[in-house]
């Protein structure tokens, strides 16, 4: 009789225990899927932020090269070479200031006006020289000026481009929900695993902070090095006292 009672209890507990194990397996499967989704969105956001950071670095280098090219080709402007180079020195300093200390959102229009005004003055001198002496050399000067002006707009676009807010929101909510699922899974497994949970939360938080930092070119700690523009200005040498303005 005792053996039959034990067998009956085992038969009744067997399906329940198997059901509990299946439930844990299902929760583990969902937890793994959520973690994989967080990893995918995290990698996507990191890639987008890194791509925008690389674009800002590239445009600083390209703009510095374009300014240096205009400086060299200013010789083709004849008597206007000295005034063009004097303005170009101020223009390069303005572009360097814009990259080192980006304007506040309220002063973006003012910075754009200053850039456009200086570009207009340089263009007026170069176009007058090209009309006076229309040669292939002055055409090269005009072409290099066009490239320099275009890159200022490209730079403005690169420094205002951000990772889409929808991606960041998706990452945040997916990470929060996944942490809840992980905690529930640990509770079903019979342990809290505070160390592993803390490490996972720390790594996720650090990665998201890094993404936000790279996504903010004006106030983040990861900034674009303006060294190419600094080197270009240093290559101009000291200003000439006789340079007209």
C-alpha atoms as a PDB file:
ATOM      1  CA  UNK A   1       0.000   0.000   0.000  1.00  0.00           C
ATOM      2  CA  UNK A   2       2.834   2.407   0.842  1.00  0.00           C
ATOM      3  CA  UNK A   3       4.531   1.696  -2.455  1.00  0.00           C
ATOM      4  CA  UNK A   4       1.305   2.291  -4.336  1.00  0.00           C
ATOM      5  CA  UNK A   5       0.847   5.676  -2.571  1.00  0.00           C
ATOM      6  CA  UNK A   6       4.364   6.740  -3.443  1.00  0.00           C
ATOM      7  CA  UNK A   7       3.865   5.703  -7.032  1.00  0.00           C
ATOM      8  CA  UNK A   8       0.604   7.641  -7.173  1.00  0.00           C
ATOM      9  CA  UNK A   9       2.272  10.803  -5.802  1.00  0.00           C
ATOM     10  CA  UNK A  10       5.135  10.453  -8.251  1.00  0.00           C
ATOM     11  CA  UNK A  11       2.677  10.050 -11.089  1.00  0.00           C
ATOM     12  CA  UNK A  12       0.807  13.167 -10.025  1.00  0.00           C
ATOM     13  CA  UNK A  13       3.958  15.226  -9.438  1.00  0.00           C
ATOM     14  CA  UNK A  14       5.650  14.093 -12.614  1.00  0.00           C
ATOM     15  CA  UNK A  15       3.612  16.113 -15.092  1.00  0.00           C
ATOM     16  CA  UNK A  16       3.595  19.134 -12.758  1.00  0.00           C
ATOM     17  CA  UNK A  17       7.346  19.011 -12.366  1.00  0.00           C
ATOM     18  CA  UNK A  18       7.769  18.585 -16.084  1.00  0.00           C
ATOM     19  CA  UNK A  19       5.393  21.510 -16.647  1.00  0.00           C
ATOM     20  CA  UNK A  20       7.455  23.644 -14.266  1.00  0.00           C
ATOM     21  CA  UNK A  21      10.609  22.708 -16.146  1.00  0.00           C
ATOM     22  CA  UNK A  22       8.984  23.523 -19.461  1.00  0.00           C
ATOM     23  CA  UNK A  23       7.895  26.885 -18.088  1.00  0.00           C
ATOM     24  CA  UNK A  24      11.456  27.682 -17.018  1.00  0.00           C
ATOM     25  CA  UNK A  25      12.728  26.664 -20.435  1.00  0.00           C
ATOM     26  CA  UNK A  26      10.189  28.933 -22.104  1.00  0.00           C
ATOM     27  CA  UNK A  27      11.160  31.855 -19.887  1.00  0.00           C
ATOM     28  CA  UNK A  28      14.815  31.177 -20.660  1.00  0.00           C
ATOM     29  CA  UNK A  29      14.043  31.165 -24.372  1.00  0.00           C
ATOM     30  CA  UNK A  30      12.241  34.510 -24.115  1.00  0.00           C
ATOM     31  CA  UNK A  31      15.059  35.941 -22.003  1.00  0.00           C
ATOM     32  CA  UNK A  32      17.650  34.885 -24.575  1.00  0.00           C
ATOM     33  CA  UNK A  33      15.614  36.443 -27.364  1.00  0.00           C
ATOM     34  CA  UNK A  34      15.269  39.728 -25.465  1.00  0.00           C
ATOM     35  CA  UNK A  35      18.999  39.835 -24.743  1.00  0.00           C
ATOM     36  CA  UNK A  36      19.763  39.172 -28.411  1.00  0.00           C
ATOM     37  CA  UNK A  37      17.429  42.014 -29.413  1.00  0.00           C
ATOM     38  CA  UNK A  38      19.119  44.406 -26.983  1.00  0.00           C
ATOM     39  CA  UNK A  39      22.527  43.399 -28.322  1.00  0.00           C
ATOM     40  CA  UNK A  40      21.365  44.003 -31.892  1.00  0.00           C
ATOM     41  CA  UNK A  41      19.887  47.453 -31.176  1.00  0.00           C
ATOM     42  CA  UNK A  42      22.944  48.352 -29.094  1.00  0.00           C
ATOM     43  CA  UNK A  43      25.271  47.395 -31.949  1.00  0.00           C
ATOM     44  CA  UNK A  44      23.088  49.311 -34.412  1.00  0.00           C
ATOM     45  CA  UNK A  45      23.082  52.481 -32.307  1.00  0.00           C
ATOM     46  CA  UNK A  46      26.814  52.214 -31.656  1.00  0.00           C
ATOM     47  CA  UNK A  47      27.503  51.820 -35.373  1.00  0.00           C
ATOM     48  CA  UNK A  48      25.345  54.832 -36.234  1.00  0.00           C
ATOM     49  CA  UNK A  49      27.015  57.004 -33.577  1.00  0.00           C
ATOM     50  CA  UNK A  50      30.495  55.912 -34.677  1.00  0.00           C
ATOM     51  CA  UNK A  51      29.648  56.604 -38.319  1.00  0.00           C
ATOM     52  CA  UNK A  52      28.573  60.141 -37.494  1.00  0.00           C
ATOM     53  CA  UNK A  53      31.712  60.708 -35.434  1.00  0.00           C
ATOM     54  CA  UNK A  54      33.877  59.515 -38.336  1.00  0.00           C
ATOM     55  CA  UNK A  55      31.960  61.808 -40.714  1.00  0.00           C
ATOM     56  CA  UNK A  56      32.719  64.814 -38.509  1.00  0.00           C
ATOM     57  CA  UNK A  57      36.404  63.897 -38.373  1.00  0.00           C
ATOM     58  CA  UNK A  58      36.563  63.460 -42.142  1.00  0.00           C
ATOM     59  CA  UNK A  59      34.881  66.770 -42.912  1.00  0.00           C
ATOM     60  CA  UNK A  60      37.276  68.665 -40.612  1.00  0.00           C
ATOM     61  CA  UNK A  61      40.207  67.149 -42.468  1.00  0.00           C
ATOM     62  CA  UNK A  62      38.663  67.817 -45.895  1.00  0.00           C
ATOM     63  CA  UNK A  63      37.792  71.408 -45.036  1.00  0.00           C
ATOM     64  CA  UNK A  64      41.305  72.059 -43.744  1.00  0.00           C
ATOM     65  CA  UNK A  65      42.730  70.687 -47.015  1.00  0.00           C
ATOM     66  CA  UNK A  66      40.339  72.841 -49.038  1.00  0.00           C
ATOM     67  CA  UNK A  67      41.329  75.994 -47.157  1.00  0.00           C
ATOM     68  CA  UNK A  68      44.997  75.170 -47.673  1.00  0.00           C
ATOM     69  CA  UNK A  69      44.383  74.689 -51.398  1.00  0.00           C
ATOM     70  CA  UNK A  70      42.698  78.084 -51.705  1.00  0.00           C
ATOM     71  CA  UNK A  71      45.618  79.652 -49.825  1.00  0.00           C
ATOM     72  CA  UNK A  72      48.083  78.249 -52.342  1.00  0.00           C
ATOM     73  CA  UNK A  73      45.992  79.113 -55.390  1.00  0.00           C
ATOM     74  CA  UNK A  74      45.445  82.664 -54.190  1.00  0.00           C
ATOM     75  CA  UNK A  75      48.668  83.482 -56.064  1.00  0.00           C
ATOM     76  CA  UNK A  76      46.621  83.191 -59.264  1.00  0.00           C
ATOM     77  CA  UNK A  77      44.555  86.223 -58.226  1.00  0.00           C
ATOM     78  CA  UNK A  78      47.378  88.674 -58.895  1.00  0.00           C
ATOM     79  CA  UNK A  79      47.043  91.864 -56.856  1.00  0.00           C
ATOM     80  CA  UNK A  80      44.040  90.405 -55.023  1.00  0.00           C
ATOM     81  CA  UNK A  81      46.160  87.594 -53.586  1.00  0.00           C
ATOM     82  CA  UNK A  82      47.119  89.465 -50.413  1.00  0.00           C
ATOM     83  CA  UNK A  83      43.554  90.606 -49.535  1.00  0.00           C
ATOM     84  CA  UNK A  84      42.213  87.108 -50.251  1.00  0.00           C
ATOM     85  CA  UNK A  85      44.797  85.514 -48.001  1.00  0.00           C
ATOM     86  CA  UNK A  86      44.124  88.032 -45.241  1.00  0.00           C
ATOM     87  CA  UNK A  87      40.430  87.168 -45.354  1.00  0.00           C
ATOM     88  CA  UNK A  88      41.218  83.470 -45.655  1.00  0.00           C
ATOM     89  CA  UNK A  89      43.248  83.627 -42.451  1.00  0.00           C
ATOM     90  CA  UNK A  90      40.254  85.103 -40.619  1.00  0.00           C
ATOM     91  CA  UNK A  91      37.939  82.590 -42.266  1.00  0.00           C
ATOM     92  CA  UNK A  92      40.068  79.633 -41.138  1.00  0.00           C
ATOM     93  CA  UNK A  93      40.132  81.042 -37.593  1.00  0.00           C
ATOM     94  CA  UNK A  94      36.333  81.328 -37.673  1.00  0.00           C
ATOM     95  CA  UNK A  95      35.952  77.736 -38.854  1.00  0.00           C
ATOM     96  CA  UNK A  96      38.337  76.572 -36.129  1.00  0.00           C
ATOM     97  CA  UNK A  97      36.367  78.475 -33.495  1.00  0.00           C
ATOM     98  CA  UNK A  98      33.129  76.935 -34.751  1.00  0.00           C
ATOM     99  CA  UNK A  99      34.508  73.408 -34.413  1.00  0.00           C
ATOM    100  CA  UNK A 100      36.265  73.923 -31.078  1.00  0.00           C
ATOM    101  CA  UNK A 101      33.345  75.784 -29.478  1.00  0.00           C
ATOM    102  CA  UNK A 102      30.165  75.107 -31.442  1.00  0.00           C
ATOM    103  CA  UNK A 103      27.631  77.928 -31.069  1.00  0.00           C
ATOM    104  CA  UNK A 104      24.632  77.640 -28.831  1.00  0.00           C
ATOM    105  CA  UNK A 105      21.356  76.798 -30.567  1.00  0.00           C
ATOM    106  CA  UNK A 106      20.318  80.442 -30.176  1.00  0.00           C
ATOM    107  CA  UNK A 107      23.496  81.661 -31.926  1.00  0.00           C
ATOM    108  CA  UNK A 108      23.515  79.253 -34.875  1.00  0.00           C
ATOM    109  CA  UNK A 109      22.018  81.913 -37.160  1.00  0.00           C
ATOM    110  CA  UNK A 110      24.663  84.437 -36.096  1.00  0.00           C
ATOM    111  CA  UNK A 111      27.504  82.003 -36.765  1.00  0.00           C
ATOM    112  CA  UNK A 112      26.026  81.209 -40.171  1.00  0.00           C
ATOM    113  CA  UNK A 113      25.750  84.915 -41.009  1.00  0.00           C
ATOM    114  CA  UNK A 114      29.396  85.497 -40.112  1.00  0.00           C
ATOM    115  CA  UNK A 115      30.469  82.559 -42.256  1.00  0.00           C
ATOM    116  CA  UNK A 116      28.349  83.661 -45.210  1.00  0.00           C
ATOM    117  CA  UNK A 117      29.573  87.255 -44.937  1.00  0.00           C
ATOM    118  CA  UNK A 118      33.209  86.215 -44.987  1.00  0.00           C
ATOM    119  CA  UNK A 119      32.609  83.810 -47.865  1.00  0.00           C
ATOM    120  CA  UNK A 120      30.950  86.600 -49.819  1.00  0.00           C
ATOM    121  CA  UNK A 121      33.911  88.913 -49.341  1.00  0.00           C
ATOM    122  CA  UNK A 122      36.400  86.262 -50.439  1.00  0.00           C
ATOM    123  CA  UNK A 123      34.245  85.376 -53.434  1.00  0.00           C
ATOM    124  CA  UNK A 124      33.940  89.007 -54.505  1.00  0.00           C
ATOM    125  CA  UNK A 125      37.717  89.430 -54.603  1.00  0.00           C
ATOM    126  CA  UNK A 126      38.341  86.127 -56.384  1.00  0.00           C
ATOM    127  CA  UNK A 127      35.583  86.592 -58.971  1.00  0.00           C
ATOM    128  CA  UNK A 128      36.774  90.126 -59.744  1.00  0.00           C
ATOM    129  CA  UNK A 129      40.289  88.802 -60.291  1.00  0.00           C
ATOM    130  CA  UNK A 130      38.946  86.000 -62.506  1.00  0.00           C
ATOM    131  CA  UNK A 131      36.949  88.447 -64.634  1.00  0.00           C
ATOM    132  CA  UNK A 132      39.967  90.714 -64.985  1.00  0.00           C
ATOM    133  CA  UNK A 133      42.335  87.897 -65.917  1.00  0.00           C
ATOM    134  CA  UNK A 134      40.365  84.902 -67.138  1.00  0.00           C
ATOM    135  CA  UNK A 135      42.917  82.077 -67.263  1.00  0.00           C
ATOM    136  CA  UNK A 136      42.944  78.381 -66.374  1.00  0.00           C
ATOM    137  CA  UNK A 137      44.749  79.299 -63.162  1.00  0.00           C
ATOM    138  CA  UNK A 138      42.016  81.663 -61.973  1.00  0.00           C
ATOM    139  CA  UNK A 139      39.465  79.009 -62.914  1.00  0.00           C
ATOM    140  CA  UNK A 140      41.275  76.633 -60.556  1.00  0.00           C
ATOM    141  CA  UNK A 141      41.036  79.261 -57.815  1.00  0.00           C
ATOM    142  CA  UNK A 142      37.291  79.613 -58.332  1.00  0.00           C
ATOM    143  CA  UNK A 143      36.888  75.833 -58.307  1.00  0.00           C
ATOM    144  CA  UNK A 144      38.786  75.483 -55.044  1.00  0.00           C
ATOM    145  CA  UNK A 145      36.667  78.245 -53.504  1.00  0.00           C
ATOM    146  CA  UNK A 146      33.520  76.375 -54.486  1.00  0.00           C
ATOM    147  CA  UNK A 147      34.854  73.252 -52.815  1.00  0.00           C
ATOM    148  CA  UNK A 148      35.742  75.176 -49.663  1.00  0.00           C
ATOM    149  CA  UNK A 149      32.289  76.766 -49.431  1.00  0.00           C
ATOM    150  CA  UNK A 150      30.557  73.439 -50.058  1.00  0.00           C
ATOM    151  CA  UNK A 151      32.541  71.786 -47.283  1.00  0.00           C
ATOM    152  CA  UNK A 152      31.454  74.429 -44.778  1.00  0.00           C
ATOM    153  CA  UNK A 153      27.859  73.348 -45.418  1.00  0.00           C
ATOM    154  CA  UNK A 154      28.851  69.687 -45.215  1.00  0.00           C
ATOM    155  CA  UNK A 155      30.561  70.405 -41.905  1.00  0.00           C
ATOM    156  CA  UNK A 156      27.465  72.089 -40.544  1.00  0.00           C
ATOM    157  CA  UNK A 157      25.389  69.082 -41.543  1.00  0.00           C
ATOM    158  CA  UNK A 158      27.854  66.632 -39.978  1.00  0.00           C
ATOM    159  CA  UNK A 159      27.924  68.511 -36.666  1.00  0.00           C
ATOM    160  CA  UNK A 160      24.132  68.638 -36.434  1.00  0.00           C
ATOM    161  CA  UNK A 161      23.465  65.053 -37.488  1.00  0.00           C
ATOM    162  CA  UNK A 162      22.375  62.730 -34.683  1.00  0.00           C
ATOM    163  CA  UNK A 163      21.377  59.129 -34.184  1.00  0.00           C
ATOM    164  CA  UNK A 164      17.585  59.022 -34.714  1.00  0.00           C
ATOM    165  CA  UNK A 165      15.777  59.521 -31.427  1.00  0.00           C
ATOM    166  CA  UNK A 166      13.559  56.527 -32.240  1.00  0.00           C
ATOM    167  CA  UNK A 167      16.577  54.212 -32.158  1.00  0.00           C
ATOM    168  CA  UNK A 168      17.686  55.558 -28.772  1.00  0.00           C
ATOM    169  CA  UNK A 169      14.188  55.226 -27.325  1.00  0.00           C
ATOM    170  CA  UNK A 170      13.887  51.680 -28.639  1.00  0.00           C
ATOM    171  CA  UNK A 171      17.246  50.829 -27.071  1.00  0.00           C
ATOM    172  CA  UNK A 172      16.267  52.307 -23.702  1.00  0.00           C
ATOM    173  CA  UNK A 173      12.880  50.604 -23.448  1.00  0.00           C
ATOM    174  CA  UNK A 174      14.164  47.268 -24.719  1.00  0.00           C
ATOM    175  CA  UNK A 175      16.996  47.337 -22.167  1.00  0.00           C
ATOM    176  CA  UNK A 176      14.625  48.181 -19.306  1.00  0.00           C
ATOM    177  CA  UNK A 177      12.128  45.467 -20.218  1.00  0.00           C
ATOM    178  CA  UNK A 178      14.921  42.955 -20.750  1.00  0.00           C
ATOM    179  CA  UNK A 179      16.313  43.642 -17.293  1.00  0.00           C
ATOM    180  CA  UNK A 180      12.889  42.908 -15.849  1.00  0.00           C
ATOM    181  CA  UNK A 181      12.682  39.650 -17.815  1.00  0.00           C
ATOM    182  CA  UNK A 182      16.178  38.654 -16.656  1.00  0.00           C
ATOM    183  CA  UNK A 183      15.206  39.338 -13.034  1.00  0.00           C
ATOM    184  CA  UNK A 184      12.055  37.252 -13.395  1.00  0.00           C
ATOM    185  CA  UNK A 185      14.045  34.433 -14.969  1.00  0.00           C
ATOM    186  CA  UNK A 186      16.523  34.443 -12.088  1.00  0.00           C
ATOM    187  CA  UNK A 187      13.645  34.372  -9.597  1.00  0.00           C
ATOM    188  CA  UNK A 188      12.099  31.359 -11.333  1.00  0.00           C
ATOM    189  CA  UNK A 189      15.489  29.640 -11.258  1.00  0.00           C
ATOM    190  CA  UNK A 190      15.627  30.071  -7.491  1.00  0.00           C
ATOM    191  CA  UNK A 191      18.406  32.652  -7.207  1.00  0.00           C
ATOM    192  CA  UNK A 192      18.953  36.380  -7.571  1.00  0.00           C
ATOM    193  CA  UNK A 193      22.518  36.373  -9.002  1.00  0.00           C
ATOM    194  CA  UNK A 194      23.175  39.959  -7.976  1.00  0.00           C
ATOM    195  CA  UNK A 195      26.737  39.940  -9.290  1.00  0.00           C
ATOM    196  CA  UNK A 196      25.800  38.887 -12.818  1.00  0.00           C
ATOM    197  CA  UNK A 197      22.798  41.186 -12.904  1.00  0.00           C
ATOM    198  CA  UNK A 198      24.928  44.099 -11.737  1.00  0.00           C
ATOM    199  CA  UNK A 199      27.613  43.413 -14.323  1.00  0.00           C
ATOM    200  CA  UNK A 200      25.050  43.154 -17.122  1.00  0.00           C
ATOM    201  CA  UNK A 201      23.382  46.391 -16.049  1.00  0.00           C
ATOM    202  CA  UNK A 202      26.756  48.163 -15.761  1.00  0.00           C
ATOM    203  CA  UNK A 203      27.863  47.086 -19.242  1.00  0.00           C
ATOM    204  CA  UNK A 204      24.573  48.095 -20.829  1.00  0.00           C
ATOM    205  CA  UNK A 205      24.536  51.436 -19.055  1.00  0.00           C
ATOM    206  CA  UNK A 206      28.150  52.158 -20.009  1.00  0.00           C
ATOM    207  CA  UNK A 207      27.489  51.347 -23.652  1.00  0.00           C
ATOM    208  CA  UNK A 208      24.395  53.561 -23.769  1.00  0.00           C
ATOM    209  CA  UNK A 209      26.250  56.450 -22.104  1.00  0.00           C
ATOM    210  CA  UNK A 210      29.015  56.057 -24.692  1.00  0.00           C
ATOM    211  CA  UNK A 211      26.481  56.219 -27.519  1.00  0.00           C
ATOM    212  CA  UNK A 212      24.878  59.365 -26.106  1.00  0.00           C
ATOM    213  CA  UNK A 213      28.328  60.912 -25.667  1.00  0.00           C
ATOM    214  CA  UNK A 214      29.354  60.257 -29.276  1.00  0.00           C
ATOM    215  CA  UNK A 215      25.954  61.492 -30.399  1.00  0.00           C
ATOM    216  CA  UNK A 216      26.530  64.946 -28.867  1.00  0.00           C
ATOM    217  CA  UNK A 217      29.380  66.667 -30.753  1.00  0.00           C
ATOM    218  CA  UNK A 218      28.957  69.984 -28.928  1.00  0.00           C
ATOM    219  CA  UNK A 219      28.912  68.947 -25.267  1.00  0.00           C
ATOM    220  CA  UNK A 220      30.139  65.373 -25.142  1.00  0.00           C
ATOM    221  CA  UNK A 221      33.550  64.306 -23.876  1.00  0.00           C
ATOM    222  CA  UNK A 222      34.322  62.572 -27.192  1.00  0.00           C
ATOM    223  CA  UNK A 223      35.030  65.523 -29.454  1.00  0.00           C
ATOM    224  CA  UNK A 224      36.488  65.928 -32.912  1.00  0.00           C
ATOM    225  CA  UNK A 225      40.153  66.908 -32.893  1.00  0.00           C
ATOM    226  CA  UNK A 226      40.529  70.194 -34.847  1.00  0.00           C
ATOM    227  CA  UNK A 227      44.245  69.553 -35.406  1.00  0.00           C
ATOM    228  CA  UNK A 228      44.002  69.622 -39.251  1.00  0.00           C
ATOM    229  CA  UNK A 229      42.668  73.187 -39.168  1.00  0.00           C
ATOM    230  CA  UNK A 230      45.260  74.194 -36.583  1.00  0.00           C
ATOM    231  CA  UNK A 231      48.040  72.817 -38.799  1.00  0.00           C
ATOM    232  CA  UNK A 232      46.612  74.620 -41.824  1.00  0.00           C
ATOM    233  CA  UNK A 233      46.578  77.957 -39.992  1.00  0.00           C
ATOM    234  CA  UNK A 234      50.107  77.352 -38.758  1.00  0.00           C
ATOM    235  CA  UNK A 235      51.121  76.710 -42.365  1.00  0.00           C
ATOM    236  CA  UNK A 236      49.994  80.223 -43.293  1.00  0.00           C
ATOM    237  CA  UNK A 237      52.885  81.635 -41.298  1.00  0.00           C
ATOM    238  CA  UNK A 238      52.789  85.004 -39.523  1.00  0.00           C
ATOM    239  CA  UNK A 239      50.509  87.644 -41.057  1.00  0.00           C
ATOM    240  CA  UNK A 240      52.209  90.168 -43.306  1.00  0.00           C
ATOM    241  CA  UNK A 241      52.064  93.761 -41.974  1.00  0.00           C
ATOM    242  CA  UNK A 242      51.429  95.102 -45.471  1.00  0.00           C
ATOM    243  CA  UNK A 243      48.494  92.776 -46.196  1.00  0.00           C
ATOM    244  CA  UNK A 244      45.415  94.759 -47.148  1.00  0.00           C
ATOM    245  CA  UNK A 245      42.036  94.059 -45.651  1.00  0.00           C
END
